[in-house]
N, C-alpha and C. Protein backbone atom coordinates (compact mmCIF):
# COMPACT_ATOMS: atom_id res chain seq x y z
N UNK A 1 0.84 -1.18 0.00
CA UNK A 1 0.00 0.00 0.00
C UNK A 1 0.89 1.25 0.00
N UNK A 2 0.49 2.23 -0.77
CA UNK A 2 1.19 3.51 -0.81
C UNK A 2 0.92 4.24 0.50
N UNK A 3 1.96 4.62 1.24
CA UNK A 3 1.74 5.30 2.52
C UNK A 3 1.20 6.71 2.32
N UNK A 4 0.47 7.18 3.31
CA UNK A 4 -0.03 8.54 3.28
C UNK A 4 1.16 9.50 3.31
N UNK A 5 1.17 10.49 2.42
CA UNK A 5 2.28 11.44 2.39
C UNK A 5 2.13 12.51 3.47
N UNK A 6 2.60 12.18 4.63
CA UNK A 6 2.46 13.10 5.77
C UNK A 6 3.01 14.48 5.43
N UNK A 7 2.36 15.54 5.92
CA UNK A 7 2.80 16.90 5.59
C UNK A 7 4.23 17.22 6.01
N UNK A 8 4.73 16.54 7.03
CA UNK A 8 6.10 16.83 7.48
C UNK A 8 7.12 15.83 6.93
N UNK A 9 6.71 14.96 6.01
CA UNK A 9 7.66 14.03 5.38
C UNK A 9 8.55 14.82 4.41
N UNK A 10 9.83 14.52 4.41
CA UNK A 10 10.73 15.24 3.50
C UNK A 10 10.33 15.03 2.03
N UNK A 11 10.45 16.09 1.25
CA UNK A 11 10.19 16.03 -0.19
C UNK A 11 11.17 16.96 -0.87
N UNK A 12 11.67 16.53 -2.00
CA UNK A 12 12.68 17.32 -2.70
C UNK A 12 12.09 18.46 -3.52
N UNK A 13 10.78 18.40 -3.78
CA UNK A 13 10.15 19.43 -4.60
C UNK A 13 8.64 19.43 -4.41
N UNK A 14 8.00 20.50 -4.88
CA UNK A 14 6.53 20.55 -4.85
C UNK A 14 5.96 19.48 -5.77
N UNK A 15 6.63 19.21 -6.88
CA UNK A 15 6.18 18.17 -7.80
C UNK A 15 6.14 16.82 -7.09
N UNK A 16 7.14 16.53 -6.27
CA UNK A 16 7.16 15.28 -5.52
C UNK A 16 5.99 15.21 -4.54
N UNK A 17 5.64 16.33 -3.95
CA UNK A 17 4.50 16.37 -3.03
C UNK A 17 3.21 16.07 -3.79
N UNK A 18 3.00 16.74 -4.92
CA UNK A 18 1.81 16.48 -5.72
C UNK A 18 1.73 15.02 -6.12
N UNK A 19 2.82 14.48 -6.63
CA UNK A 19 2.81 13.09 -7.07
C UNK A 19 2.57 12.12 -5.91
N UNK A 20 3.10 12.45 -4.75
CA UNK A 20 2.88 11.59 -3.58
C UNK A 20 1.41 11.52 -3.20
N UNK A 21 0.76 12.67 -3.18
CA UNK A 21 -0.67 12.67 -2.86
C UNK A 21 -1.50 12.01 -3.95
N UNK A 22 -1.18 12.29 -5.21
CA UNK A 22 -1.91 11.64 -6.30
C UNK A 22 -1.76 10.12 -6.24
N UNK A 23 -0.53 9.66 -6.03
CA UNK A 23 -0.30 8.21 -5.95
C UNK A 23 -1.08 7.60 -4.79
N UNK A 24 -1.05 8.27 -3.65
CA UNK A 24 -1.78 7.76 -2.49
C UNK A 24 -3.27 7.66 -2.79
N UNK A 25 -3.87 8.73 -3.27
CA UNK A 25 -5.31 8.75 -3.52
C UNK A 25 -5.70 7.73 -4.60
N UNK A 26 -4.92 7.69 -5.66
CA UNK A 26 -5.19 6.75 -6.76
C UNK A 26 -5.13 5.32 -6.26
N UNK A 27 -4.09 5.00 -5.49
CA UNK A 27 -3.93 3.65 -4.95
C UNK A 27 -5.10 3.28 -4.04
N UNK A 28 -5.53 4.22 -3.22
CA UNK A 28 -6.65 3.94 -2.32
C UNK A 28 -7.94 3.67 -3.09
N UNK A 29 -8.18 4.42 -4.17
CA UNK A 29 -9.37 4.17 -4.99
C UNK A 29 -9.30 2.76 -5.56
N UNK A 30 -8.17 2.39 -6.13
CA UNK A 30 -8.02 1.06 -6.72
C UNK A 30 -8.22 -0.02 -5.67
N UNK A 31 -7.56 0.13 -4.51
CA UNK A 31 -7.67 -0.86 -3.44
C UNK A 31 -9.11 -1.01 -2.95
N UNK A 32 -9.81 0.11 -2.80
CA UNK A 32 -11.19 0.05 -2.31
C UNK A 32 -12.11 -0.67 -3.30
N UNK A 33 -11.94 -0.38 -4.59
CA UNK A 33 -12.78 -1.05 -5.58
C UNK A 33 -12.46 -2.54 -5.60
N UNK A 34 -11.19 -2.88 -5.59
CA UNK A 34 -10.80 -4.30 -5.58
C UNK A 34 -11.32 -5.04 -4.36
N UNK A 35 -11.38 -4.35 -3.21
CA UNK A 35 -11.78 -4.99 -1.96
C UNK A 35 -13.29 -5.16 -1.83
N UNK A 36 -14.05 -4.50 -2.69
CA UNK A 36 -15.50 -4.66 -2.62
C UNK A 36 -15.90 -6.07 -3.05
N UNK A 37 -17.00 -6.57 -2.52
CA UNK A 37 -17.51 -7.84 -3.05
C UNK A 37 -17.72 -7.69 -4.56
N UNK A 38 -17.45 -8.75 -5.32
CA UNK A 38 -17.54 -8.67 -6.79
C UNK A 38 -18.88 -8.12 -7.25
N UNK A 39 -19.95 -8.50 -6.58
CA UNK A 39 -21.28 -8.03 -6.98
C UNK A 39 -21.44 -6.52 -6.77
N UNK A 40 -20.71 -5.96 -5.82
CA UNK A 40 -20.81 -4.53 -5.54
C UNK A 40 -19.94 -3.68 -6.45
N UNK A 41 -18.98 -4.28 -7.12
CA UNK A 41 -18.11 -3.52 -8.01
C UNK A 41 -18.87 -2.97 -9.23
N UNK A 42 -19.90 -3.67 -9.64
CA UNK A 42 -20.66 -3.28 -10.83
C UNK A 42 -22.12 -2.98 -10.52
N UNK A 43 -22.38 -2.70 -9.25
CA UNK A 43 -23.73 -2.36 -8.82
C UNK A 43 -23.71 -0.98 -8.19
N UNK A 44 -24.72 -0.20 -8.47
CA UNK A 44 -24.79 1.13 -7.86
C UNK A 44 -25.57 1.07 -6.55
N UNK A 45 -25.09 1.80 -5.58
CA UNK A 45 -25.78 1.93 -4.29
C UNK A 45 -26.28 3.36 -4.08
N UNK A 46 -26.13 4.20 -5.11
CA UNK A 46 -26.44 5.62 -4.96
C UNK A 46 -27.51 6.06 -5.96
N UNK A 47 -28.30 7.08 -5.61
CA UNK A 47 -29.32 7.58 -6.54
C UNK A 47 -28.76 8.03 -7.89
N UNK A 48 -27.52 8.50 -7.90
CA UNK A 48 -26.93 8.96 -9.16
C UNK A 48 -26.65 7.80 -10.11
N UNK A 49 -26.51 6.62 -9.59
CA UNK A 49 -26.39 5.42 -10.42
C UNK A 49 -24.99 4.99 -10.81
N UNK A 50 -23.93 5.73 -10.38
CA UNK A 50 -22.59 5.29 -10.80
C UNK A 50 -22.16 4.05 -10.03
N UNK A 51 -21.32 3.27 -10.71
CA UNK A 51 -20.81 2.02 -10.16
C UNK A 51 -19.31 2.17 -9.89
N UNK A 52 -18.78 1.46 -8.89
CA UNK A 52 -17.36 1.60 -8.56
C UNK A 52 -16.40 1.38 -9.73
N UNK A 53 -16.66 0.39 -10.59
CA UNK A 53 -15.75 0.19 -11.72
C UNK A 53 -15.80 1.38 -12.67
N UNK A 54 -16.94 2.02 -12.78
CA UNK A 54 -17.06 3.20 -13.63
C UNK A 54 -16.21 4.35 -13.09
N UNK A 55 -16.09 4.41 -11.78
CA UNK A 55 -15.26 5.46 -11.17
C UNK A 55 -13.80 5.29 -11.58
N UNK A 56 -13.32 4.05 -11.65
CA UNK A 56 -11.94 3.81 -12.09
C UNK A 56 -11.72 4.36 -13.50
N UNK A 57 -12.65 4.06 -14.39
CA UNK A 57 -12.51 4.53 -15.77
C UNK A 57 -12.63 6.05 -15.82
N UNK A 58 -13.55 6.60 -15.05
CA UNK A 58 -13.72 8.06 -15.02
C UNK A 58 -12.42 8.73 -14.58
N UNK A 59 -11.80 8.25 -13.52
CA UNK A 59 -10.58 8.89 -13.03
C UNK A 59 -9.43 8.75 -14.01
N UNK A 60 -9.37 7.65 -14.72
CA UNK A 60 -8.35 7.50 -15.77
C UNK A 60 -8.57 8.59 -16.82
N UNK A 61 -9.82 8.81 -17.22
CA UNK A 61 -10.10 9.82 -18.23
C UNK A 61 -9.95 11.24 -17.69
N UNK A 62 -10.18 11.44 -16.41
CA UNK A 62 -9.95 12.76 -15.82
C UNK A 62 -8.47 13.12 -15.99
N UNK A 63 -7.58 12.19 -15.62
CA UNK A 63 -6.14 12.46 -15.78
C UNK A 63 -5.80 12.65 -17.26
N UNK A 64 -6.34 11.82 -18.10
CA UNK A 64 -6.10 11.90 -19.55
C UNK A 64 -6.51 13.27 -20.10
N UNK A 65 -7.72 13.71 -19.73
CA UNK A 65 -8.21 15.01 -20.22
C UNK A 65 -7.34 16.16 -19.73
N UNK A 66 -7.03 16.15 -18.43
CA UNK A 66 -6.30 17.29 -17.87
C UNK A 66 -4.83 17.30 -18.25
N UNK A 67 -4.19 16.16 -18.32
CA UNK A 67 -2.75 16.13 -18.61
C UNK A 67 -2.49 16.08 -20.12
N UNK A 68 -3.06 15.12 -20.80
CA UNK A 68 -2.73 14.95 -22.23
C UNK A 68 -3.51 15.90 -23.13
N UNK A 69 -4.82 15.91 -22.99
CA UNK A 69 -5.65 16.70 -23.91
C UNK A 69 -5.51 18.19 -23.65
N UNK A 70 -5.59 18.59 -22.39
CA UNK A 70 -5.52 20.02 -22.07
C UNK A 70 -4.09 20.49 -21.92
N UNK A 71 -3.40 20.02 -20.89
CA UNK A 71 -2.07 20.57 -20.59
C UNK A 71 -1.09 20.36 -21.74
N UNK A 72 -0.98 19.13 -22.24
CA UNK A 72 -0.04 18.87 -23.32
C UNK A 72 -0.57 19.29 -24.68
N UNK A 73 -1.88 19.52 -24.78
CA UNK A 73 -2.47 19.97 -26.04
C UNK A 73 -2.51 18.90 -27.12
N UNK A 74 -2.56 17.65 -26.71
CA UNK A 74 -2.61 16.57 -27.69
C UNK A 74 -3.97 16.51 -28.38
N UNK A 75 -3.94 16.16 -29.64
CA UNK A 75 -5.16 15.91 -30.38
C UNK A 75 -5.60 14.49 -30.03
N UNK A 76 -6.80 14.35 -29.50
CA UNK A 76 -7.29 13.03 -29.10
C UNK A 76 -8.64 12.77 -29.75
N UNK A 77 -8.90 11.49 -30.03
CA UNK A 77 -10.15 11.12 -30.68
C UNK A 77 -11.35 11.20 -29.75
N UNK A 78 -11.17 10.74 -28.51
CA UNK A 78 -12.31 10.64 -27.61
C UNK A 78 -11.94 11.05 -26.18
N UNK A 79 -11.89 12.37 -25.91
CA UNK A 79 -11.53 12.78 -24.55
C UNK A 79 -12.58 12.39 -23.51
N UNK A 80 -13.77 12.09 -23.95
CA UNK A 80 -14.86 11.73 -23.02
C UNK A 80 -15.20 10.24 -23.15
N UNK A 81 -14.18 9.40 -23.32
CA UNK A 81 -14.37 7.97 -23.49
C UNK A 81 -14.91 7.25 -22.28
N UNK A 82 -15.04 7.94 -21.17
CA UNK A 82 -15.61 7.34 -19.96
C UNK A 82 -17.13 7.50 -19.92
N UNK A 83 -17.68 8.20 -20.90
CA UNK A 83 -19.12 8.47 -20.91
C UNK A 83 -19.79 7.86 -22.13
N UNK A 84 -21.02 7.47 -21.92
CA UNK A 84 -21.87 6.98 -23.01
C UNK A 84 -23.30 7.40 -22.68
N UNK A 85 -23.92 8.08 -23.61
CA UNK A 85 -25.29 8.57 -23.41
C UNK A 85 -25.41 9.43 -22.16
N UNK A 86 -24.38 10.25 -21.90
CA UNK A 86 -24.43 11.19 -20.80
C UNK A 86 -24.14 10.63 -19.43
N UNK A 87 -23.67 9.41 -19.34
CA UNK A 87 -23.31 8.85 -18.04
C UNK A 87 -22.06 7.98 -18.18
N UNK A 88 -21.41 7.73 -17.03
CA UNK A 88 -20.22 6.89 -17.05
C UNK A 88 -20.58 5.48 -17.50
N UNK A 89 -19.62 4.83 -18.13
CA UNK A 89 -19.81 3.42 -18.47
C UNK A 89 -18.44 2.74 -18.45
N UNK A 90 -18.43 1.47 -18.07
CA UNK A 90 -17.18 0.72 -18.00
C UNK A 90 -17.48 -0.77 -18.13
N UNK A 91 -17.64 -1.25 -19.36
CA UNK A 91 -17.90 -2.68 -19.54
C UNK A 91 -16.64 -3.54 -19.43
N UNK A 92 -15.45 -2.92 -19.40
CA UNK A 92 -14.20 -3.64 -19.37
C UNK A 92 -14.03 -4.41 -18.06
N UNK A 93 -13.23 -5.49 -18.08
CA UNK A 93 -12.91 -6.22 -16.85
C UNK A 93 -12.15 -5.31 -15.86
N UNK A 94 -12.29 -5.58 -14.59
CA UNK A 94 -11.65 -4.79 -13.55
C UNK A 94 -10.14 -4.68 -13.78
N UNK A 95 -9.49 -5.79 -14.10
CA UNK A 95 -8.03 -5.76 -14.30
C UNK A 95 -7.65 -4.81 -15.43
N UNK A 96 -8.44 -4.75 -16.48
CA UNK A 96 -8.15 -3.84 -17.60
C UNK A 96 -8.32 -2.38 -17.19
N UNK A 97 -9.34 -2.10 -16.38
CA UNK A 97 -9.58 -0.74 -15.91
C UNK A 97 -8.44 -0.28 -15.00
N UNK A 98 -8.00 -1.16 -14.11
CA UNK A 98 -6.89 -0.83 -13.21
C UNK A 98 -5.61 -0.60 -14.01
N UNK A 99 -5.34 -1.46 -14.98
CA UNK A 99 -4.13 -1.31 -15.80
C UNK A 99 -4.16 0.01 -16.57
N UNK A 100 -5.31 0.39 -17.10
CA UNK A 100 -5.42 1.65 -17.84
C UNK A 100 -5.16 2.85 -16.92
N UNK A 101 -5.70 2.80 -15.69
CA UNK A 101 -5.48 3.88 -14.74
C UNK A 101 -4.01 3.95 -14.34
N UNK A 102 -3.39 2.80 -14.12
CA UNK A 102 -1.98 2.78 -13.74
C UNK A 102 -1.08 3.27 -14.88
N UNK A 103 -1.42 2.94 -16.11
CA UNK A 103 -0.67 3.44 -17.26
C UNK A 103 -0.81 4.95 -17.37
N UNK A 104 -2.02 5.46 -17.15
CA UNK A 104 -2.24 6.90 -17.18
C UNK A 104 -1.44 7.57 -16.07
N UNK A 105 -1.38 6.94 -14.91
CA UNK A 105 -0.61 7.47 -13.79
C UNK A 105 0.86 7.58 -14.13
N UNK A 106 1.39 6.59 -14.84
CA UNK A 106 2.80 6.64 -15.26
C UNK A 106 3.03 7.83 -16.18
N UNK A 107 2.10 8.09 -17.08
CA UNK A 107 2.25 9.23 -17.98
C UNK A 107 2.20 10.54 -17.19
N UNK A 108 1.23 10.65 -16.29
CA UNK A 108 1.12 11.85 -15.46
C UNK A 108 2.41 12.08 -14.70
N UNK A 109 2.94 11.03 -14.10
CA UNK A 109 4.19 11.13 -13.33
C UNK A 109 5.34 11.59 -14.21
N UNK A 110 5.42 11.07 -15.41
CA UNK A 110 6.51 11.46 -16.33
C UNK A 110 6.39 12.95 -16.69
N UNK A 111 5.18 13.41 -16.95
CA UNK A 111 4.98 14.83 -17.29
C UNK A 111 5.36 15.72 -16.11
N UNK A 112 4.85 15.38 -14.93
CA UNK A 112 5.11 16.20 -13.74
C UNK A 112 6.59 16.19 -13.37
N UNK A 113 7.23 15.06 -13.51
CA UNK A 113 8.65 14.94 -13.16
C UNK A 113 9.56 15.71 -14.11
N UNK A 114 9.09 15.96 -15.33
CA UNK A 114 9.95 16.60 -16.32
C UNK A 114 9.51 18.02 -16.69
N UNK A 115 8.53 18.56 -15.97
CA UNK A 115 7.98 19.87 -16.32
C UNK A 115 7.92 20.76 -15.09
N UNK A 116 8.35 21.99 -15.22
CA UNK A 116 8.23 22.95 -14.13
C UNK A 116 6.75 23.21 -13.85
N UNK A 117 6.39 23.28 -12.59
CA UNK A 117 4.98 23.46 -12.22
C UNK A 117 4.39 24.78 -12.69
N UNK A 118 5.22 25.75 -12.98
CA UNK A 118 4.71 27.05 -13.45
C UNK A 118 4.47 27.08 -14.96
N UNK A 119 4.76 25.98 -15.64
CA UNK A 119 4.56 25.90 -17.09
C UNK A 119 3.07 25.99 -17.41
N UNK A 120 2.75 26.84 -18.36
CA UNK A 120 1.36 27.02 -18.79
C UNK A 120 1.05 25.99 -19.86
N UNK A 121 -0.13 25.40 -19.76
CA UNK A 121 -0.55 24.38 -20.71
C UNK A 121 -0.69 24.91 -22.13
N UNK A 122 -0.75 23.99 -23.06
CA UNK A 122 -0.90 24.34 -24.47
C UNK A 122 -2.32 24.85 -24.74
N UNK A 123 -2.47 25.87 -25.58
CA UNK A 123 -3.81 26.32 -25.94
C UNK A 123 -4.55 25.21 -26.68
N UNK A 124 -5.85 25.18 -26.51
CA UNK A 124 -6.64 24.17 -27.21
C UNK A 124 -8.09 24.24 -26.81
N UNK A 125 -8.91 23.43 -27.46
CA UNK A 125 -10.36 23.49 -27.24
C UNK A 125 -10.84 22.88 -25.92
N UNK A 126 -9.99 22.18 -25.22
CA UNK A 126 -10.43 21.48 -24.02
C UNK A 126 -10.52 22.29 -22.75
N UNK A 127 -9.98 23.49 -22.76
CA UNK A 127 -9.95 24.28 -21.53
C UNK A 127 -11.33 24.84 -21.21
N UNK A 128 -11.81 24.61 -19.98
CA UNK A 128 -13.13 25.13 -19.60
C UNK A 128 -13.10 26.63 -19.31
N UNK A 129 -14.27 27.19 -19.15
CA UNK A 129 -14.38 28.61 -18.78
C UNK A 129 -13.91 29.52 -19.88
N UNK A 130 -12.90 30.32 -19.58
CA UNK A 130 -12.40 31.30 -20.54
C UNK A 130 -11.61 30.65 -21.66
N UNK A 131 -11.26 29.39 -21.50
CA UNK A 131 -10.47 28.71 -22.50
C UNK A 131 -8.98 28.97 -22.39
N UNK A 132 -8.59 29.79 -21.39
CA UNK A 132 -7.18 30.08 -21.18
C UNK A 132 -6.52 28.90 -20.47
N UNK A 133 -5.37 28.45 -20.96
CA UNK A 133 -4.67 27.34 -20.32
C UNK A 133 -4.21 27.69 -18.90
N UNK A 134 -4.16 26.68 -18.07
CA UNK A 134 -3.70 26.82 -16.69
C UNK A 134 -2.27 26.31 -16.57
N UNK A 135 -1.64 26.62 -15.45
CA UNK A 135 -0.31 26.07 -15.17
C UNK A 135 -0.45 24.61 -14.76
N UNK A 136 0.65 23.89 -14.85
CA UNK A 136 0.65 22.49 -14.41
C UNK A 136 0.28 22.40 -12.94
N UNK A 137 0.75 23.35 -12.13
CA UNK A 137 0.42 23.34 -10.70
C UNK A 137 -1.09 23.40 -10.48
N UNK A 138 -1.79 24.28 -11.20
CA UNK A 138 -3.24 24.40 -11.06
C UNK A 138 -3.94 23.13 -11.53
N UNK A 139 -3.44 22.52 -12.59
CA UNK A 139 -4.01 21.26 -13.08
C UNK A 139 -3.87 20.19 -12.00
N UNK A 140 -2.72 20.13 -11.36
CA UNK A 140 -2.50 19.13 -10.32
C UNK A 140 -3.40 19.37 -9.11
N UNK A 141 -3.60 20.63 -8.74
CA UNK A 141 -4.55 20.92 -7.65
C UNK A 141 -5.93 20.39 -8.02
N UNK A 142 -6.33 20.61 -9.27
CA UNK A 142 -7.63 20.13 -9.71
C UNK A 142 -7.70 18.59 -9.63
N UNK A 143 -6.66 17.92 -10.09
CA UNK A 143 -6.66 16.46 -10.04
C UNK A 143 -6.75 15.96 -8.60
N UNK A 144 -6.04 16.61 -7.68
CA UNK A 144 -6.10 16.20 -6.28
C UNK A 144 -7.51 16.33 -5.71
N UNK A 145 -8.18 17.44 -6.00
CA UNK A 145 -9.54 17.60 -5.47
C UNK A 145 -10.47 16.58 -6.11
N UNK A 146 -10.27 16.28 -7.37
CA UNK A 146 -11.11 15.28 -8.04
C UNK A 146 -10.96 13.91 -7.39
N UNK A 147 -9.72 13.50 -7.18
CA UNK A 147 -9.47 12.21 -6.53
C UNK A 147 -10.00 12.19 -5.10
N UNK A 148 -9.73 13.24 -4.34
CA UNK A 148 -10.16 13.27 -2.94
C UNK A 148 -11.69 13.21 -2.83
N UNK A 149 -12.36 13.97 -3.67
CA UNK A 149 -13.84 13.97 -3.65
C UNK A 149 -14.38 12.59 -3.99
N UNK A 150 -13.85 11.99 -5.05
CA UNK A 150 -14.36 10.68 -5.46
C UNK A 150 -13.98 9.58 -4.47
N UNK A 151 -12.83 9.68 -3.82
CA UNK A 151 -12.47 8.70 -2.81
C UNK A 151 -13.44 8.77 -1.63
N UNK A 152 -13.85 9.97 -1.26
CA UNK A 152 -14.86 10.12 -0.20
C UNK A 152 -16.19 9.50 -0.61
N UNK A 153 -16.59 9.71 -1.85
CA UNK A 153 -17.83 9.10 -2.33
C UNK A 153 -17.71 7.57 -2.32
N UNK A 154 -16.55 7.08 -2.73
CA UNK A 154 -16.33 5.63 -2.75
C UNK A 154 -16.35 5.06 -1.33
N UNK A 155 -15.88 5.83 -0.36
CA UNK A 155 -15.94 5.41 1.04
C UNK A 155 -17.39 5.12 1.45
N UNK A 156 -18.30 5.98 1.04
CA UNK A 156 -19.72 5.77 1.37
C UNK A 156 -20.23 4.50 0.69
N UNK A 157 -19.90 4.32 -0.57
CA UNK A 157 -20.32 3.13 -1.31
C UNK A 157 -19.74 1.88 -0.64
N UNK A 158 -18.48 1.94 -0.24
CA UNK A 158 -17.83 0.79 0.41
C UNK A 158 -18.53 0.47 1.73
N UNK A 159 -18.86 1.50 2.48
CA UNK A 159 -19.56 1.27 3.76
C UNK A 159 -20.92 0.62 3.53
N UNK A 160 -21.64 1.05 2.52
CA UNK A 160 -22.94 0.45 2.20
C UNK A 160 -22.82 -0.97 1.67
N UNK A 161 -21.63 -1.32 1.19
CA UNK A 161 -21.39 -2.64 0.60
C UNK A 161 -20.57 -3.56 1.50
N UNK A 162 -20.39 -3.19 2.76
CA UNK A 162 -19.56 -3.95 3.69
C UNK A 162 -18.13 -4.08 3.21
N UNK A 163 -17.64 -3.05 2.52
CA UNK A 163 -16.25 -3.00 2.07
C UNK A 163 -15.42 -2.16 3.01
N UNK A 164 -14.14 -1.95 2.68
CA UNK A 164 -13.25 -1.17 3.55
C UNK A 164 -13.54 0.32 3.49
N UNK A 165 -13.41 0.98 4.62
CA UNK A 165 -13.62 2.44 4.68
C UNK A 165 -12.39 3.07 5.32
N UNK A 166 -12.33 4.39 5.26
CA UNK A 166 -11.22 5.13 5.85
C UNK A 166 -9.99 5.06 4.97
N UNK A 167 -8.92 5.68 5.45
CA UNK A 167 -7.68 5.69 4.67
C UNK A 167 -7.10 4.31 4.63
């Protein structure tokens, strides 16, 4: 298990801090989904209807959209590949979803490790609001809040499914 990156743990850079928290949160999401009873991994317990395996695919695409499509300005065929008919979908096997998220994490780590946090993203159609690109640091803050929010939601689902809760 990836240890919690304590605030007073030594870190050589802000990038290392961001990556430590992202790795921790990502690992916890994966572990919680894996630890759920198999029937609960593809069943919704919430009025919104999302399923835990769909969350894995959603988070993979969140990183993909923010790092590759927006920040790096890559031309991509399907930035919203986690959605179908306006909602999340994930028919893939759990192992495939986990592998895709871990591969995306490796790409995110490579970008963050080789790019100054003050670097402004490439202009492109994917930027929300004013359409002005953000710095890598702002993108990482956004990714952290996305993971933290969804991990909290998954905690509720896990509790309702007799799965693991807490950090």
